[in-house]
Amino acid sequence: MSCAMPLREGAPVPPLMYAALLSQAPDADGYNFVEVEGGWPRHPVRIVGRSATHLAINHPVLFEVPPQDVASLALFDQPDPGSGALLFYGALRSNKVQSEPERRFEFPTFGILLKRPPGAISIP
Protein backbone atom coordinates (compact mmCIF):
# COMPACT_ATOMS: atom_id res chain seq x y z
CA MET A 1 0.00 0.00 0.00
CA SER A 2 1.15 3.54 -0.71
CA CYS A 3 1.08 6.37 1.77
CA ALA A 4 -1.34 9.24 1.14
CA MET A 5 -0.64 12.96 1.22
CA PRO A 6 -0.75 13.54 5.02
CA LEU A 7 2.05 11.00 5.56
CA ARG A 8 4.04 12.24 2.57
CA GLU A 9 3.90 15.70 4.11
CA GLY A 10 5.34 14.46 7.41
CA ALA A 11 2.36 13.50 9.58
CA PRO A 12 3.26 10.77 12.09
CA VAL A 13 2.13 7.20 11.45
CA PRO A 14 -0.34 6.22 14.18
CA PRO A 15 0.09 2.73 15.66
CA LEU A 16 -3.67 2.14 15.34
CA MET A 17 -5.52 2.77 12.08
CA TYR A 18 -8.86 1.71 10.59
CA ALA A 19 -9.16 -0.41 7.44
CA ALA A 20 -11.95 0.08 4.90
CA LEU A 21 -12.79 -1.18 1.44
CA LEU A 22 -13.14 1.34 -1.38
CA SER A 23 -15.43 1.00 -4.40
CA GLN A 24 -13.58 3.84 -6.12
CA ALA A 25 -9.81 4.08 -5.74
CA PRO A 26 -8.32 7.44 -4.81
CA ASP A 27 -6.56 9.62 -7.34
CA ALA A 28 -2.74 9.96 -7.25
CA ASP A 29 -2.94 12.48 -4.38
CA GLY A 30 -5.19 10.23 -2.28
CA TYR A 31 -8.45 12.11 -2.80
CA ASN A 32 -11.76 11.42 -4.61
CA PHE A 33 -12.19 7.90 -3.23
CA VAL A 34 -15.52 6.24 -2.39
CA GLU A 35 -16.02 3.75 0.45
CA VAL A 36 -18.14 0.66 -0.21
CA GLU A 37 -21.88 1.22 0.00
CA GLY A 38 -23.78 0.39 3.14
CA GLY A 39 -21.77 2.22 5.81
CA TRP A 40 -19.80 -0.89 6.78
CA PRO A 41 -17.64 -0.39 9.84
CA ARG A 42 -13.93 0.14 9.49
CA HIS A 43 -11.75 -2.49 11.15
CA PRO A 44 -9.10 -1.42 13.67
CA VAL A 45 -5.62 -2.54 12.61
CA ARG A 46 -2.23 -2.34 14.31
CA ILE A 47 0.93 -1.89 12.32
CA VAL A 48 4.50 -2.91 13.03
CA GLY A 49 7.81 -2.45 11.30
CA ARG A 50 8.42 -5.25 8.81
CA SER A 51 11.65 -4.13 7.13
CA ALA A 52 13.64 -0.99 6.43
CA THR A 53 11.22 -0.13 3.61
CA HIS A 54 7.88 -1.60 4.75
CA LEU A 55 5.41 -1.68 7.62
CA ALA A 56 2.80 -4.44 8.00
CA ILE A 57 -0.48 -5.27 9.71
CA ASN A 58 0.43 -7.95 12.23
CA HIS A 59 -2.92 -9.74 12.41
CA PRO A 60 -5.50 -11.11 9.96
CA VAL A 61 -8.20 -8.79 8.57
CA LEU A 62 -11.57 -10.01 7.28
CA PHE A 63 -14.33 -8.07 5.53
CA GLU A 64 -17.71 -9.55 4.62
CA VAL A 65 -19.93 -7.17 2.65
CA PRO A 66 -22.81 -7.59 0.22
CA PRO A 67 -21.50 -8.38 -3.27
CA GLN A 68 -20.22 -5.20 -4.90
CA ASP A 69 -17.25 -4.06 -6.91
CA VAL A 70 -14.31 -3.30 -4.63
CA ALA A 71 -11.25 -1.55 -6.04
CA SER A 72 -8.97 -0.86 -3.09
CA LEU A 73 -8.15 -1.26 0.55
CA ALA A 74 -7.53 1.89 2.59
CA LEU A 75 -6.35 2.83 6.07
CA PHE A 76 -7.78 5.85 7.90
CA ASP A 77 -7.03 7.62 11.17
CA GLN A 78 -10.69 7.56 12.34
CA PRO A 79 -13.09 4.62 12.89
CA ASP A 80 -16.29 6.07 11.42
CA PRO A 81 -17.06 5.71 7.68
CA GLY A 82 -16.74 9.05 5.91
CA SER A 83 -14.54 10.59 8.60
CA GLY A 84 -10.84 11.16 9.14
CA ALA A 85 -7.85 11.29 6.86
CA LEU A 86 -6.86 8.64 4.33
CA LEU A 87 -3.34 7.49 5.33
CA PHE A 88 -2.60 4.44 3.13
CA TYR A 89 -4.29 2.90 0.09
CA GLY A 90 -3.67 0.12 -2.40
CA ALA A 91 -5.41 -1.69 -5.22
CA LEU A 92 -6.73 -5.19 -4.63
CA ARG A 93 -5.37 -7.72 -7.07
CA SER A 94 -6.49 -11.21 -7.84
CA ASN A 95 -5.55 -13.83 -10.37
CA LYS A 96 -9.10 -15.21 -10.33
CA VAL A 97 -11.68 -14.27 -12.94
CA GLN A 98 -15.09 -13.94 -11.31
CA SER A 99 -18.51 -13.65 -12.91
CA GLU A 100 -19.94 -11.66 -10.01
CA PRO A 101 -18.52 -9.28 -7.40
CA GLU A 102 -16.74 -10.70 -4.36
CA ARG A 103 -18.29 -10.43 -0.89
CA ARG A 104 -15.51 -11.81 1.31
CA PHE A 105 -12.07 -10.21 1.55
CA GLU A 106 -9.59 -12.01 3.78
CA PHE A 107 -6.02 -10.86 4.43
CA PRO A 108 -3.60 -13.06 6.42
CA THR A 109 -1.23 -11.90 9.15
CA PHE A 110 1.53 -9.80 7.54
CA GLY A 111 -0.41 -10.09 4.24
CA ILE A 112 -0.83 -6.31 3.96
CA LEU A 113 2.42 -4.42 3.43
CA LEU A 114 2.65 -0.64 3.65
CA LYS A 115 5.43 1.43 2.12
CA ARG A 116 7.25 3.09 4.99
CA PRO A 117 6.75 6.86 4.68
CA PRO A 118 9.65 9.26 5.08
CA GLY A 119 10.38 9.81 8.77
CA ALA A 120 8.50 6.70 9.99
CA ILE A 121 11.49 5.20 11.76
CA SER A 122 10.12 4.80 15.29
CA ILE A 123 7.50 2.11 14.65
CA PRO A 124 8.37 -1.12 16.50
C-alpha atoms as a PDB file:
ATOM      1  CA  MET A   1       0.000   0.000   0.000  1.00  0.00           C
ATOM      2  CA  SER A   2       1.148   3.539  -0.712  1.00  0.00           C
ATOM      3  CA  CYS A   3       1.075   6.370   1.769  1.00  0.00           C
ATOM      4  CA  ALA A   4      -1.339   9.243   1.140  1.00  0.00           C
ATOM      5  CA  MET A   5      -0.641  12.962   1.218  1.00  0.00           C
ATOM      6  CA  PRO A   6      -0.754  13.540   5.021  1.00  0.00           C
ATOM      7  CA  LEU A   7       2.050  11.001   5.556  1.00  0.00           C
ATOM      8  CA  ARG A   8       4.043  12.235   2.570  1.00  0.00           C
ATOM      9  CA  GLU A   9       3.901  15.699   4.105  1.00  0.00           C
ATOM     10  CA  GLY A  10       5.340  14.459   7.415  1.00  0.00           C
ATOM     11  CA  ALA A  11       2.355  13.497   9.581  1.00  0.00           C
ATOM     12  CA  PRO A  12       3.262  10.774  12.091  1.00  0.00           C
ATOM     13  CA  VAL A  13       2.130   7.198  11.449  1.00  0.00           C
ATOM     14  CA  PRO A  14      -0.341   6.224  14.181  1.00  0.00           C
ATOM     15  CA  PRO A  15       0.092   2.732  15.655  1.00  0.00           C
ATOM     16  CA  LEU A  16      -3.675   2.139  15.341  1.00  0.00           C
ATOM     17  CA  MET A  17      -5.525   2.768  12.082  1.00  0.00           C
ATOM     18  CA  TYR A  18      -8.856   1.713  10.593  1.00  0.00           C
ATOM     19  CA  ALA A  19      -9.161  -0.409   7.440  1.00  0.00           C
ATOM     20  CA  ALA A  20     -11.951   0.082   4.897  1.00  0.00           C
ATOM     21  CA  LEU A  21     -12.787  -1.184   1.438  1.00  0.00           C
ATOM     22  CA  LEU A  22     -13.141   1.340  -1.383  1.00  0.00           C
ATOM     23  CA  SER A  23     -15.428   0.996  -4.404  1.00  0.00           C
ATOM     24  CA  GLN A  24     -13.575   3.838  -6.115  1.00  0.00           C
ATOM     25  CA  ALA A  25      -9.814   4.079  -5.740  1.00  0.00           C
ATOM     26  CA  PRO A  26      -8.318   7.443  -4.809  1.00  0.00           C
ATOM     27  CA  ASP A  27      -6.555   9.617  -7.344  1.00  0.00           C
ATOM     28  CA  ALA A  28      -2.744   9.956  -7.247  1.00  0.00           C
ATOM     29  CA  ASP A  29      -2.944  12.480  -4.383  1.00  0.00           C
ATOM     30  CA  GLY A  30      -5.186  10.233  -2.278  1.00  0.00           C
ATOM     31  CA  TYR A  31      -8.453  12.106  -2.803  1.00  0.00           C
ATOM     32  CA  ASN A  32     -11.764  11.424  -4.613  1.00  0.00           C
ATOM     33  CA  PHE A  33     -12.188   7.896  -3.234  1.00  0.00           C
ATOM     34  CA  VAL A  34     -15.519   6.239  -2.390  1.00  0.00           C
ATOM     35  CA  GLU A  35     -16.018   3.751   0.449  1.00  0.00           C
ATOM     36  CA  VAL A  36     -18.144   0.662  -0.207  1.00  0.00           C
ATOM     37  CA  GLU A  37     -21.882   1.224  -0.005  1.00  0.00           C
ATOM     38  CA  GLY A  38     -23.784   0.394   3.138  1.00  0.00           C
ATOM     39  CA  GLY A  39     -21.765   2.220   5.808  1.00  0.00           C
ATOM     40  CA  TRP A  40     -19.798  -0.892   6.776  1.00  0.00           C
ATOM     41  CA  PRO A  41     -17.636  -0.390   9.836  1.00  0.00           C
ATOM     42  CA  ARG A  42     -13.928   0.138   9.489  1.00  0.00           C
ATOM     43  CA  HIS A  43     -11.750  -2.491  11.154  1.00  0.00           C
ATOM     44  CA  PRO A  44      -9.097  -1.424  13.670  1.00  0.00           C
ATOM     45  CA  VAL A  45      -5.617  -2.541  12.610  1.00  0.00           C
ATOM     46  CA  ARG A  46      -2.235  -2.344  14.308  1.00  0.00           C
ATOM     47  CA  ILE A  47       0.934  -1.893  12.323  1.00  0.00           C
ATOM     48  CA  VAL A  48       4.495  -2.912  13.034  1.00  0.00           C
ATOM     49  CA  GLY A  49       7.812  -2.445  11.301  1.00  0.00           C
ATOM     50  CA  ARG A  50       8.423  -5.253   8.808  1.00  0.00           C
ATOM     51  CA  SER A  51      11.648  -4.127   7.126  1.00  0.00           C
ATOM     52  CA  ALA A  52      13.642  -0.986   6.425  1.00  0.00           C
ATOM     53  CA  THR A  53      11.216  -0.133   3.614  1.00  0.00           C
ATOM     54  CA  HIS A  54       7.876  -1.602   4.752  1.00  0.00           C
ATOM     55  CA  LEU A  55       5.407  -1.682   7.618  1.00  0.00           C
ATOM     56  CA  ALA A  56       2.797  -4.436   7.996  1.00  0.00           C
ATOM     57  CA  ILE A  57      -0.479  -5.271   9.710  1.00  0.00           C
ATOM     58  CA  ASN A  58       0.435  -7.949  12.233  1.00  0.00           C
ATOM     59  CA  HIS A  59      -2.918  -9.741  12.413  1.00  0.00           C
ATOM     60  CA  PRO A  60      -5.501 -11.106   9.962  1.00  0.00           C
ATOM     61  CA  VAL A  61      -8.199  -8.790   8.574  1.00  0.00           C
ATOM     62  CA  LEU A  62     -11.573 -10.011   7.280  1.00  0.00           C
ATOM     63  CA  PHE A  63     -14.333  -8.069   5.526  1.00  0.00           C
ATOM     64  CA  GLU A  64     -17.711  -9.554   4.622  1.00  0.00           C
ATOM     65  CA  VAL A  65     -19.929  -7.172   2.651  1.00  0.00           C
ATOM     66  CA  PRO A  66     -22.814  -7.589   0.219  1.00  0.00           C
ATOM     67  CA  PRO A  67     -21.504  -8.384  -3.275  1.00  0.00           C
ATOM     68  CA  GLN A  68     -20.217  -5.199  -4.895  1.00  0.00           C
ATOM     69  CA  ASP A  69     -17.246  -4.064  -6.911  1.00  0.00           C
ATOM     70  CA  VAL A  70     -14.309  -3.298  -4.631  1.00  0.00           C
ATOM     71  CA  ALA A  71     -11.250  -1.554  -6.045  1.00  0.00           C
ATOM     72  CA  SER A  72      -8.975  -0.864  -3.092  1.00  0.00           C
ATOM     73  CA  LEU A  73      -8.146  -1.263   0.548  1.00  0.00           C
ATOM     74  CA  ALA A  74      -7.529   1.895   2.586  1.00  0.00           C
ATOM     75  CA  LEU A  75      -6.353   2.834   6.072  1.00  0.00           C
ATOM     76  CA  PHE A  76      -7.785   5.853   7.897  1.00  0.00           C
ATOM     77  CA  ASP A  77      -7.034   7.624  11.174  1.00  0.00           C
ATOM     78  CA  GLN A  78     -10.689   7.559  12.341  1.00  0.00           C
ATOM     79  CA  PRO A  79     -13.089   4.622  12.886  1.00  0.00           C
ATOM     80  CA  ASP A  80     -16.290   6.067  11.423  1.00  0.00           C
ATOM     81  CA  PRO A  81     -17.055   5.713   7.681  1.00  0.00           C
ATOM     82  CA  GLY A  82     -16.744   9.049   5.908  1.00  0.00           C
ATOM     83  CA  SER A  83     -14.541  10.589   8.600  1.00  0.00           C
ATOM     84  CA  GLY A  84     -10.842  11.156   9.142  1.00  0.00           C
ATOM     85  CA  ALA A  85      -7.853  11.290   6.858  1.00  0.00           C
ATOM     86  CA  LEU A  86      -6.860   8.641   4.331  1.00  0.00           C
ATOM     87  CA  LEU A  87      -3.344   7.489   5.328  1.00  0.00           C
ATOM     88  CA  PHE A  88      -2.602   4.442   3.127  1.00  0.00           C
ATOM     89  CA  TYR A  89      -4.290   2.896   0.088  1.00  0.00           C
ATOM     90  CA  GLY A  90      -3.670   0.123  -2.403  1.00  0.00           C
ATOM     91  CA  ALA A  91      -5.413  -1.690  -5.219  1.00  0.00           C
ATOM     92  CA  LEU A  92      -6.729  -5.192  -4.635  1.00  0.00           C
ATOM     93  CA  ARG A  93      -5.366  -7.724  -7.072  1.00  0.00           C
ATOM     94  CA  SER A  94      -6.494 -11.212  -7.839  1.00  0.00           C
ATOM     95  CA  ASN A  95      -5.547 -13.826 -10.375  1.00  0.00           C
ATOM     96  CA  LYS A  96      -9.101 -15.213 -10.325  1.00  0.00           C
ATOM     97  CA  VAL A  97     -11.680 -14.272 -12.935  1.00  0.00           C
ATOM     98  CA  GLN A  98     -15.093 -13.937 -11.315  1.00  0.00           C
ATOM     99  CA  SER A  99     -18.514 -13.653 -12.914  1.00  0.00           C
ATOM    100  CA  GLU A 100     -19.942 -11.655 -10.011  1.00  0.00           C
ATOM    101  CA  PRO A 101     -18.521  -9.277  -7.396  1.00  0.00           C
ATOM    102  CA  GLU A 102     -16.745 -10.698  -4.362  1.00  0.00           C
ATOM    103  CA  ARG A 103     -18.294 -10.426  -0.894  1.00  0.00           C
ATOM    104  CA  ARG A 104     -15.513 -11.808   1.313  1.00  0.00           C
ATOM    105  CA  PHE A 105     -12.071 -10.206   1.553  1.00  0.00           C
ATOM    106  CA  GLU A 106      -9.586 -12.012   3.784  1.00  0.00           C
ATOM    107  CA  PHE A 107      -6.023 -10.863   4.431  1.00  0.00           C
ATOM    108  CA  PRO A 108      -3.601 -13.063   6.421  1.00  0.00           C
ATOM    109  CA  THR A 109      -1.230 -11.904   9.153  1.00  0.00           C
ATOM    110  CA  PHE A 110       1.528  -9.795   7.536  1.00  0.00           C
ATOM    111  CA  GLY A 111      -0.407 -10.087   4.245  1.00  0.00           C
ATOM    112  CA  ILE A 112      -0.825  -6.312   3.959  1.00  0.00           C
ATOM    113  CA  LEU A 113       2.424  -4.423   3.426  1.00  0.00           C
ATOM    114  CA  LEU A 114       2.646  -0.639   3.648  1.00  0.00           C
ATOM    115  CA  LYS A 115       5.431   1.428   2.116  1.00  0.00           C
ATOM    116  CA  ARG A 116       7.250   3.087   4.986  1.00  0.00           C
ATOM    117  CA  PRO A 117       6.745   6.863   4.685  1.00  0.00           C
ATOM    118  CA  PRO A 118       9.652   9.259   5.084  1.00  0.00           C
ATOM    119  CA  GLY A 119      10.376   9.813   8.771  1.00  0.00           C
ATOM    120  CA  ALA A 120       8.503   6.699   9.991  1.00  0.00           C
ATOM    121  CA  ILE A 121      11.486   5.201  11.764  1.00  0.00           C
ATOM    122  CA  SER A 122      10.116   4.802  15.293  1.00  0.00           C
ATOM    123  CA  ILE A 123       7.500   2.113  14.652  1.00  0.00           C
ATOM    124  CA  PRO A 124       8.371  -1.123  16.497  1.00  0.00           C
END
